[in-house]
């Protein structure tokens, strides 16, 4: 039997690769060009193998994206959970935030409802912690889901907005508009924004995720917890 020729003209066994190598190469493409540019053909070229070799590890592009998100969750450190259910909710939400903030592209991928049933055990553990914490605080299962969704939307929104703002920051620094910002507003129509003026960029750049999360969790639990009677 004749030896198999490689795509580069060499002879020997067909090229092999591992799931870890596939995911690492996919992350390299995403880091350079964004997740929208990730295709199976491009991924195979990045690794130096044929597309069928890649398909040994994934079903399709969507499955690849799911595996990437689950891999991030698998590598994230598990936080120590406090005894109080309200505090467990906060710690779990912070863990989700910190894991996704390091990979904003993963946040964009999973911002559609219905994605949760594709997540692996590591990612779902934090979701379970939030829902269980809400139930332990007195919420019904339906209310607990509402608590999670409120936290999820806030967390995802904060990450996406901040990531997009960071991408535009360099360009904004080169424009005169960055300096004057709200200084051109009509103070009779927008008095508070006009008063803030060019302080807005610095104020908006502050990291307020955690204190706002605490206030949000308290508000969601107060709204969702069924009222109790003394009689």
C-alpha atoms as a PDB file:
ATOM      1  CA  UNK A   1       0.000   0.000   0.000  1.00  0.00           C
ATOM      2  CA  UNK A   2       1.358   3.404  -0.949  1.00  0.00           C
ATOM      3  CA  UNK A   3       1.935   5.892   1.872  1.00  0.00           C
ATOM      4  CA  UNK A   4      -0.604   8.710   2.210  1.00  0.00           C
ATOM      5  CA  UNK A   5       0.570  12.069   0.922  1.00  0.00           C
ATOM      6  CA  UNK A   6      -0.021  15.046   3.203  1.00  0.00           C
ATOM      7  CA  UNK A   7      -1.386  18.371   1.923  1.00  0.00           C
ATOM      8  CA  UNK A   8       2.189  19.678   2.008  1.00  0.00           C
ATOM      9  CA  UNK A   9       3.547  16.928  -0.213  1.00  0.00           C
ATOM     10  CA  UNK A  10       5.042  14.834   2.548  1.00  0.00           C
ATOM     11  CA  UNK A  11       4.327  11.138   3.018  1.00  0.00           C
ATOM     12  CA  UNK A  12       3.256   9.310   6.133  1.00  0.00           C
ATOM     13  CA  UNK A  13       0.151   8.934   8.253  1.00  0.00           C
ATOM     14  CA  UNK A  14      -2.802  11.281   7.787  1.00  0.00           C
ATOM     15  CA  UNK A  15      -2.492  14.390   9.963  1.00  0.00           C
ATOM     16  CA  UNK A  16      -4.071  14.060  13.378  1.00  0.00           C
ATOM     17  CA  UNK A  17      -5.187  16.661  15.857  1.00  0.00           C
ATOM     18  CA  UNK A  18      -6.904  16.745  19.219  1.00  0.00           C
ATOM     19  CA  UNK A  19     -10.032  18.467  20.449  1.00  0.00           C
ATOM     20  CA  UNK A  20      -7.850  20.765  22.562  1.00  0.00           C
ATOM     21  CA  UNK A  21      -5.866  21.809  19.480  1.00  0.00           C
ATOM     22  CA  UNK A  22      -9.069  22.466  17.543  1.00  0.00           C
ATOM     23  CA  UNK A  23     -10.474  24.684  20.298  1.00  0.00           C
ATOM     24  CA  UNK A  24      -7.168  26.522  20.765  1.00  0.00           C
ATOM     25  CA  UNK A  25      -6.936  27.273  17.046  1.00  0.00           C
ATOM     26  CA  UNK A  26     -10.562  28.444  17.013  1.00  0.00           C
ATOM     27  CA  UNK A  27      -9.840  30.830  19.890  1.00  0.00           C
ATOM     28  CA  UNK A  28      -6.817  32.184  18.011  1.00  0.00           C
ATOM     29  CA  UNK A  29      -9.018  33.023  15.020  1.00  0.00           C
ATOM     30  CA  UNK A  30     -11.626  34.634  17.241  1.00  0.00           C
ATOM     31  CA  UNK A  31      -9.032  36.703  19.103  1.00  0.00           C
ATOM     32  CA  UNK A  32      -7.633  38.007  15.821  1.00  0.00           C
ATOM     33  CA  UNK A  33     -10.729  38.498  13.709  1.00  0.00           C
ATOM     34  CA  UNK A  34     -13.856  37.922  15.801  1.00  0.00           C
ATOM     35  CA  UNK A  35     -16.109  34.904  16.171  1.00  0.00           C
ATOM     36  CA  UNK A  36     -18.178  35.839  13.109  1.00  0.00           C
ATOM     37  CA  UNK A  37     -15.143  35.060  10.932  1.00  0.00           C
ATOM     38  CA  UNK A  38     -14.727  31.571  12.338  1.00  0.00           C
ATOM     39  CA  UNK A  39     -15.533  28.871   9.779  1.00  0.00           C
ATOM     40  CA  UNK A  40     -14.679  25.184   9.639  1.00  0.00           C
ATOM     41  CA  UNK A  41     -12.668  25.656   6.449  1.00  0.00           C
ATOM     42  CA  UNK A  42     -10.654  28.480   7.958  1.00  0.00           C
ATOM     43  CA  UNK A  43     -10.148  26.519  11.169  1.00  0.00           C
ATOM     44  CA  UNK A  44      -8.815  23.530   9.237  1.00  0.00           C
ATOM     45  CA  UNK A  45      -6.396  25.785   7.359  1.00  0.00           C
ATOM     46  CA  UNK A  46      -5.258  27.326  10.648  1.00  0.00           C
ATOM     47  CA  UNK A  47      -4.378  23.885  12.021  1.00  0.00           C
ATOM     48  CA  UNK A  48      -2.999  22.572   8.731  1.00  0.00           C
ATOM     49  CA  UNK A  49      -5.407  19.670   8.312  1.00  0.00           C
ATOM     50  CA  UNK A  50      -8.363  18.805   6.132  1.00  0.00           C
ATOM     51  CA  UNK A  51     -11.891  19.801   7.105  1.00  0.00           C
ATOM     52  CA  UNK A  52     -12.862  16.170   7.695  1.00  0.00           C
ATOM     53  CA  UNK A  53     -10.214  15.944  10.402  1.00  0.00           C
ATOM     54  CA  UNK A  54     -11.873  18.853  12.198  1.00  0.00           C
ATOM     55  CA  UNK A  55     -15.245  17.146  11.860  1.00  0.00           C
ATOM     56  CA  UNK A  56     -13.911  14.248  13.931  1.00  0.00           C
ATOM     57  CA  UNK A  57     -14.191  16.598  16.937  1.00  0.00           C
ATOM     58  CA  UNK A  58     -17.249  18.748  16.107  1.00  0.00           C
ATOM     59  CA  UNK A  59     -20.569  18.310  14.322  1.00  0.00           C
ATOM     60  CA  UNK A  60     -20.761  21.774  12.781  1.00  0.00           C
ATOM     61  CA  UNK A  61     -19.923  25.421  13.417  1.00  0.00           C
ATOM     62  CA  UNK A  62     -22.657  25.828  16.021  1.00  0.00           C
ATOM     63  CA  UNK A  63     -21.387  22.812  17.924  1.00  0.00           C
ATOM     64  CA  UNK A  64     -17.891  24.310  17.786  1.00  0.00           C
ATOM     65  CA  UNK A  65     -19.137  27.550  19.348  1.00  0.00           C
ATOM     66  CA  UNK A  66     -20.951  25.619  22.070  1.00  0.00           C
ATOM     67  CA  UNK A  67     -17.802  23.635  22.830  1.00  0.00           C
ATOM     68  CA  UNK A  68     -15.776  26.846  23.042  1.00  0.00           C
ATOM     69  CA  UNK A  69     -18.167  28.354  25.580  1.00  0.00           C
ATOM     70  CA  UNK A  70     -18.259  25.154  27.623  1.00  0.00           C
ATOM     71  CA  UNK A  71     -14.470  24.972  27.563  1.00  0.00           C
ATOM     72  CA  UNK A  72     -14.289  28.455  29.082  1.00  0.00           C
ATOM     73  CA  UNK A  73     -16.703  27.385  31.821  1.00  0.00           C
ATOM     74  CA  UNK A  74     -14.727  24.186  32.474  1.00  0.00           C
ATOM     75  CA  UNK A  75     -11.504  26.155  32.963  1.00  0.00           C
ATOM     76  CA  UNK A  76     -13.027  28.842  35.185  1.00  0.00           C
ATOM     77  CA  UNK A  77     -12.288  28.467  38.913  1.00  0.00           C
ATOM     78  CA  UNK A  78     -15.211  27.377  41.070  1.00  0.00           C
ATOM     79  CA  UNK A  79     -15.972  30.004  43.725  1.00  0.00           C
ATOM     80  CA  UNK A  80     -16.465  29.158  47.372  1.00  0.00           C
ATOM     81  CA  UNK A  81     -20.179  29.550  48.021  1.00  0.00           C
ATOM     82  CA  UNK A  82     -21.331  31.233  51.243  1.00  0.00           C
ATOM     83  CA  UNK A  83     -24.065  29.851  53.471  1.00  0.00           C
ATOM     84  CA  UNK A  84     -26.626  32.606  52.911  1.00  0.00           C
ATOM     85  CA  UNK A  85     -28.681  31.994  49.734  1.00  0.00           C
ATOM     86  CA  UNK A  86     -28.751  35.677  48.808  1.00  0.00           C
ATOM     87  CA  UNK A  87     -24.947  35.803  48.998  1.00  0.00           C
ATOM     88  CA  UNK A  88     -24.676  32.604  46.940  1.00  0.00           C
ATOM     89  CA  UNK A  89     -26.648  34.306  44.182  1.00  0.00           C
ATOM     90  CA  UNK A  90     -24.247  37.247  44.172  1.00  0.00           C
ATOM     91  CA  UNK A  91     -21.110  35.074  44.178  1.00  0.00           C
ATOM     92  CA  UNK A  92     -22.427  32.886  41.341  1.00  0.00           C
ATOM     93  CA  UNK A  93     -23.360  35.942  39.272  1.00  0.00           C
ATOM     94  CA  UNK A  94     -19.907  37.435  39.823  1.00  0.00           C
ATOM     95  CA  UNK A  95     -18.312  34.153  38.718  1.00  0.00           C
ATOM     96  CA  UNK A  96     -20.358  34.175  35.511  1.00  0.00           C
ATOM     97  CA  UNK A  97     -19.454  37.816  34.905  1.00  0.00           C
ATOM     98  CA  UNK A  98     -15.730  37.360  35.483  1.00  0.00           C
ATOM     99  CA  UNK A  99     -15.541  34.274  33.281  1.00  0.00           C
ATOM    100  CA  UNK A 100     -17.345  35.914  30.366  1.00  0.00           C
ATOM    101  CA  UNK A 101     -15.719  39.348  30.745  1.00  0.00           C
ATOM    102  CA  UNK A 102     -12.382  37.732  29.918  1.00  0.00           C
ATOM    103  CA  UNK A 103     -13.936  36.452  26.659  1.00  0.00           C
ATOM    104  CA  UNK A 104     -16.538  39.015  25.478  1.00  0.00           C
ATOM    105  CA  UNK A 105     -17.055  37.106  22.218  1.00  0.00           C
ATOM    106  CA  UNK A 106     -18.469  34.198  24.223  1.00  0.00           C
ATOM    107  CA  UNK A 107     -21.056  36.563  25.669  1.00  0.00           C
ATOM    108  CA  UNK A 108     -22.193  37.536  22.185  1.00  0.00           C
ATOM    109  CA  UNK A 109     -22.582  33.883  21.225  1.00  0.00           C
ATOM    110  CA  UNK A 110     -24.844  32.967  24.128  1.00  0.00           C
ATOM    111  CA  UNK A 111     -27.082  36.028  24.250  1.00  0.00           C
ATOM    112  CA  UNK A 112     -30.078  34.220  22.781  1.00  0.00           C
ATOM    113  CA  UNK A 113     -32.712  32.439  24.845  1.00  0.00           C
ATOM    114  CA  UNK A 114     -32.692  28.693  24.445  1.00  0.00           C
ATOM    115  CA  UNK A 115     -28.914  28.411  24.641  1.00  0.00           C
ATOM    116  CA  UNK A 116     -28.918  27.117  28.211  1.00  0.00           C
ATOM    117  CA  UNK A 117     -29.858  23.573  27.201  1.00  0.00           C
ATOM    118  CA  UNK A 118     -26.628  23.418  25.173  1.00  0.00           C
ATOM    119  CA  UNK A 119     -24.365  24.370  28.065  1.00  0.00           C
ATOM    120  CA  UNK A 120     -22.277  21.838  29.954  1.00  0.00           C
ATOM    121  CA  UNK A 121     -22.261  20.979  33.637  1.00  0.00           C
ATOM    122  CA  UNK A 122     -19.721  23.631  34.662  1.00  0.00           C
ATOM    123  CA  UNK A 123     -21.737  26.487  33.187  1.00  0.00           C
ATOM    124  CA  UNK A 124     -25.067  25.151  34.411  1.00  0.00           C
ATOM    125  CA  UNK A 125     -23.721  24.824  37.959  1.00  0.00           C
ATOM    126  CA  UNK A 126     -23.705  28.613  38.346  1.00  0.00           C
ATOM    127  CA  UNK A 127     -27.190  28.873  36.844  1.00  0.00           C
ATOM    128  CA  UNK A 128     -28.408  26.209  39.261  1.00  0.00           C
ATOM    129  CA  UNK A 129     -26.806  28.090  42.154  1.00  0.00           C
ATOM    130  CA  UNK A 130     -28.668  31.296  41.315  1.00  0.00           C
ATOM    131  CA  UNK A 131     -32.031  29.598  40.808  1.00  0.00           C
ATOM    132  CA  UNK A 132     -31.625  27.476  43.949  1.00  0.00           C
ATOM    133  CA  UNK A 133     -30.576  30.541  45.946  1.00  0.00           C
ATOM    134  CA  UNK A 134     -33.692  32.401  44.842  1.00  0.00           C
ATOM    135  CA  UNK A 135     -35.895  29.445  45.821  1.00  0.00           C
ATOM    136  CA  UNK A 136     -34.170  29.273  49.211  1.00  0.00           C
ATOM    137  CA  UNK A 137     -34.960  32.981  49.638  1.00  0.00           C
ATOM    138  CA  UNK A 138     -38.653  32.173  49.283  1.00  0.00           C
ATOM    139  CA  UNK A 139     -39.221  32.547  45.549  1.00  0.00           C
ATOM    140  CA  UNK A 140     -41.407  30.195  43.567  1.00  0.00           C
ATOM    141  CA  UNK A 141     -39.593  28.311  40.764  1.00  0.00           C
ATOM    142  CA  UNK A 142     -41.123  30.714  38.239  1.00  0.00           C
ATOM    143  CA  UNK A 143     -39.934  33.721  40.238  1.00  0.00           C
ATOM    144  CA  UNK A 144     -36.490  32.156  40.613  1.00  0.00           C
ATOM    145  CA  UNK A 145     -36.199  31.975  36.825  1.00  0.00           C
ATOM    146  CA  UNK A 146     -37.159  35.649  36.645  1.00  0.00           C
ATOM    147  CA  UNK A 147     -34.426  36.438  39.171  1.00  0.00           C
ATOM    148  CA  UNK A 148     -31.856  34.608  37.065  1.00  0.00           C
ATOM    149  CA  UNK A 149     -33.010  36.288  33.850  1.00  0.00           C
ATOM    150  CA  UNK A 150     -32.803  39.736  35.419  1.00  0.00           C
ATOM    151  CA  UNK A 151     -29.252  39.068  36.610  1.00  0.00           C
ATOM    152  CA  UNK A 152     -28.322  37.474  33.277  1.00  0.00           C
ATOM    153  CA  UNK A 153     -29.565  40.382  31.168  1.00  0.00           C
ATOM    154  CA  UNK A 154     -27.777  42.909  33.365  1.00  0.00           C
ATOM    155  CA  UNK A 155     -24.529  40.900  33.330  1.00  0.00           C
ATOM    156  CA  UNK A 156     -24.540  40.289  29.578  1.00  0.00           C
ATOM    157  CA  UNK A 157     -25.436  43.894  28.835  1.00  0.00           C
ATOM    158  CA  UNK A 158     -22.646  45.217  31.038  1.00  0.00           C
ATOM    159  CA  UNK A 159     -20.054  42.985  29.376  1.00  0.00           C
ATOM    160  CA  UNK A 160     -21.145  43.676  25.794  1.00  0.00           C
ATOM    161  CA  UNK A 161     -21.419  47.447  26.251  1.00  0.00           C
ATOM    162  CA  UNK A 162     -18.063  47.682  27.993  1.00  0.00           C
ATOM    163  CA  UNK A 163     -16.344  45.499  25.381  1.00  0.00           C
ATOM    164  CA  UNK A 164     -17.754  47.559  22.514  1.00  0.00           C
ATOM    165  CA  UNK A 165     -16.795  50.767  24.295  1.00  0.00           C
ATOM    166  CA  UNK A 166     -13.230  49.554  24.717  1.00  0.00           C
ATOM    167  CA  UNK A 167     -12.991  48.836  20.991  1.00  0.00           C
ATOM    168  CA  UNK A 168     -14.074  52.378  20.163  1.00  0.00           C
ATOM    169  CA  UNK A 169     -11.983  54.097  22.806  1.00  0.00           C
ATOM    170  CA  UNK A 170      -8.840  54.494  20.691  1.00  0.00           C
ATOM    171  CA  UNK A 171     -10.794  56.090  17.865  1.00  0.00           C
ATOM    172  CA  UNK A 172     -12.676  58.377  20.233  1.00  0.00           C
ATOM    173  CA  UNK A 173      -9.392  59.540  21.772  1.00  0.00           C
ATOM    174  CA  UNK A 174      -8.364  60.857  18.353  1.00  0.00           C
ATOM    175  CA  UNK A 175     -11.468  63.008  17.879  1.00  0.00           C
ATOM    176  CA  UNK A 176     -12.290  66.451  19.246  1.00  0.00           C
ATOM    177  CA  UNK A 177     -15.741  65.191  20.200  1.00  0.00           C
ATOM    178  CA  UNK A 178     -14.087  63.092  22.912  1.00  0.00           C
ATOM    179  CA  UNK A 179     -13.022  66.292  24.672  1.00  0.00           C
ATOM    180  CA  UNK A 180     -16.206  68.321  24.473  1.00  0.00           C
ATOM    181  CA  UNK A 181     -18.678  65.414  24.749  1.00  0.00           C
ATOM    182  CA  UNK A 182     -21.907  66.922  26.202  1.00  0.00           C
ATOM    183  CA  UNK A 183     -20.600  70.512  26.222  1.00  0.00           C
ATOM    184  CA  UNK A 184     -22.616  71.403  23.109  1.00  0.00           C
ATOM    185  CA  UNK A 185     -25.970  70.523  24.660  1.00  0.00           C
ATOM    186  CA  UNK A 186     -28.668  73.111  25.258  1.00  0.00           C
ATOM    187  CA  UNK A 187     -28.698  73.506  29.030  1.00  0.00           C
ATOM    188  CA  UNK A 188     -32.317  74.643  28.944  1.00  0.00           C
ATOM    189  CA  UNK A 189     -33.364  71.316  27.358  1.00  0.00           C
ATOM    190  CA  UNK A 190     -30.910  68.845  28.936  1.00  0.00           C
ATOM    191  CA  UNK A 191     -29.692  70.641  32.075  1.00  0.00           C
ATOM    192  CA  UNK A 192     -28.312  67.609  33.893  1.00  0.00           C
ATOM    193  CA  UNK A 193     -26.407  66.198  30.914  1.00  0.00           C
ATOM    194  CA  UNK A 194     -25.040  69.644  30.096  1.00  0.00           C
ATOM    195  CA  UNK A 195     -23.856  70.003  33.693  1.00  0.00           C
ATOM    196  CA  UNK A 196     -22.034  66.676  33.495  1.00  0.00           C
ATOM    197  CA  UNK A 197     -20.430  67.643  30.184  1.00  0.00           C
ATOM    198  CA  UNK A 198     -17.041  66.105  29.535  1.00  0.00           C
ATOM    199  CA  UNK A 199     -17.102  64.296  32.883  1.00  0.00           C
ATOM    200  CA  UNK A 200     -19.345  61.648  31.286  1.00  0.00           C
ATOM    201  CA  UNK A 201     -16.555  59.448  29.796  1.00  0.00           C
ATOM    202  CA  UNK A 202     -14.774  59.147  33.146  1.00  0.00           C
ATOM    203  CA  UNK A 203     -18.003  58.526  35.036  1.00  0.00           C
ATOM    204  CA  UNK A 204     -19.192  55.927  32.525  1.00  0.00           C
ATOM    205  CA  UNK A 205     -15.833  54.130  32.595  1.00  0.00           C
ATOM    206  CA  UNK A 206     -16.107  53.306  36.306  1.00  0.00           C
ATOM    207  CA  UNK A 207     -16.555  49.634  37.174  1.00  0.00           C
ATOM    208  CA  UNK A 208     -19.873  49.590  39.039  1.00  0.00           C
ATOM    209  CA  UNK A 209     -20.866  46.006  38.271  1.00  0.00           C
ATOM    210  CA  UNK A 210     -20.610  44.611  41.792  1.00  0.00           C
ATOM    211  CA  UNK A 211     -22.415  47.320  43.790  1.00  0.00           C
ATOM    212  CA  UNK A 212     -25.128  47.463  41.146  1.00  0.00           C
ATOM    213  CA  UNK A 213     -25.410  43.658  41.203  1.00  0.00           C
ATOM    214  CA  UNK A 214     -25.994  43.713  44.958  1.00  0.00           C
ATOM    215  CA  UNK A 215     -28.745  46.307  44.577  1.00  0.00           C
ATOM    216  CA  UNK A 216     -30.290  44.397  41.681  1.00  0.00           C
ATOM    217  CA  UNK A 217     -30.351  41.091  43.553  1.00  0.00           C
ATOM    218  CA  UNK A 218     -31.961  42.725  46.585  1.00  0.00           C
ATOM    219  CA  UNK A 219     -34.566  44.381  44.400  1.00  0.00           C
ATOM    220  CA  UNK A 220     -35.377  41.215  42.460  1.00  0.00           C
ATOM    221  CA  UNK A 221     -35.725  39.146  45.612  1.00  0.00           C
ATOM    222  CA  UNK A 222     -37.901  41.775  47.298  1.00  0.00           C
ATOM    223  CA  UNK A 223     -40.156  41.909  44.266  1.00  0.00           C
ATOM    224  CA  UNK A 224     -40.338  38.172  43.671  1.00  0.00           C
ATOM    225  CA  UNK A 225     -40.617  36.817  47.204  1.00  0.00           C
ATOM    226  CA  UNK A 226     -44.265  36.067  48.032  1.00  0.00           C
ATOM    227  CA  UNK A 227     -45.678  38.317  50.730  1.00  0.00           C
ATOM    228  CA  UNK A 228     -46.280  36.620  54.086  1.00  0.00           C
ATOM    229  CA  UNK A 229     -49.012  37.435  56.565  1.00  0.00           C
ATOM    230  CA  UNK A 230     -48.622  37.606  60.316  1.00  0.00           C
ATOM    231  CA  UNK A 231     -52.060  36.231  61.036  1.00  0.00           C
END
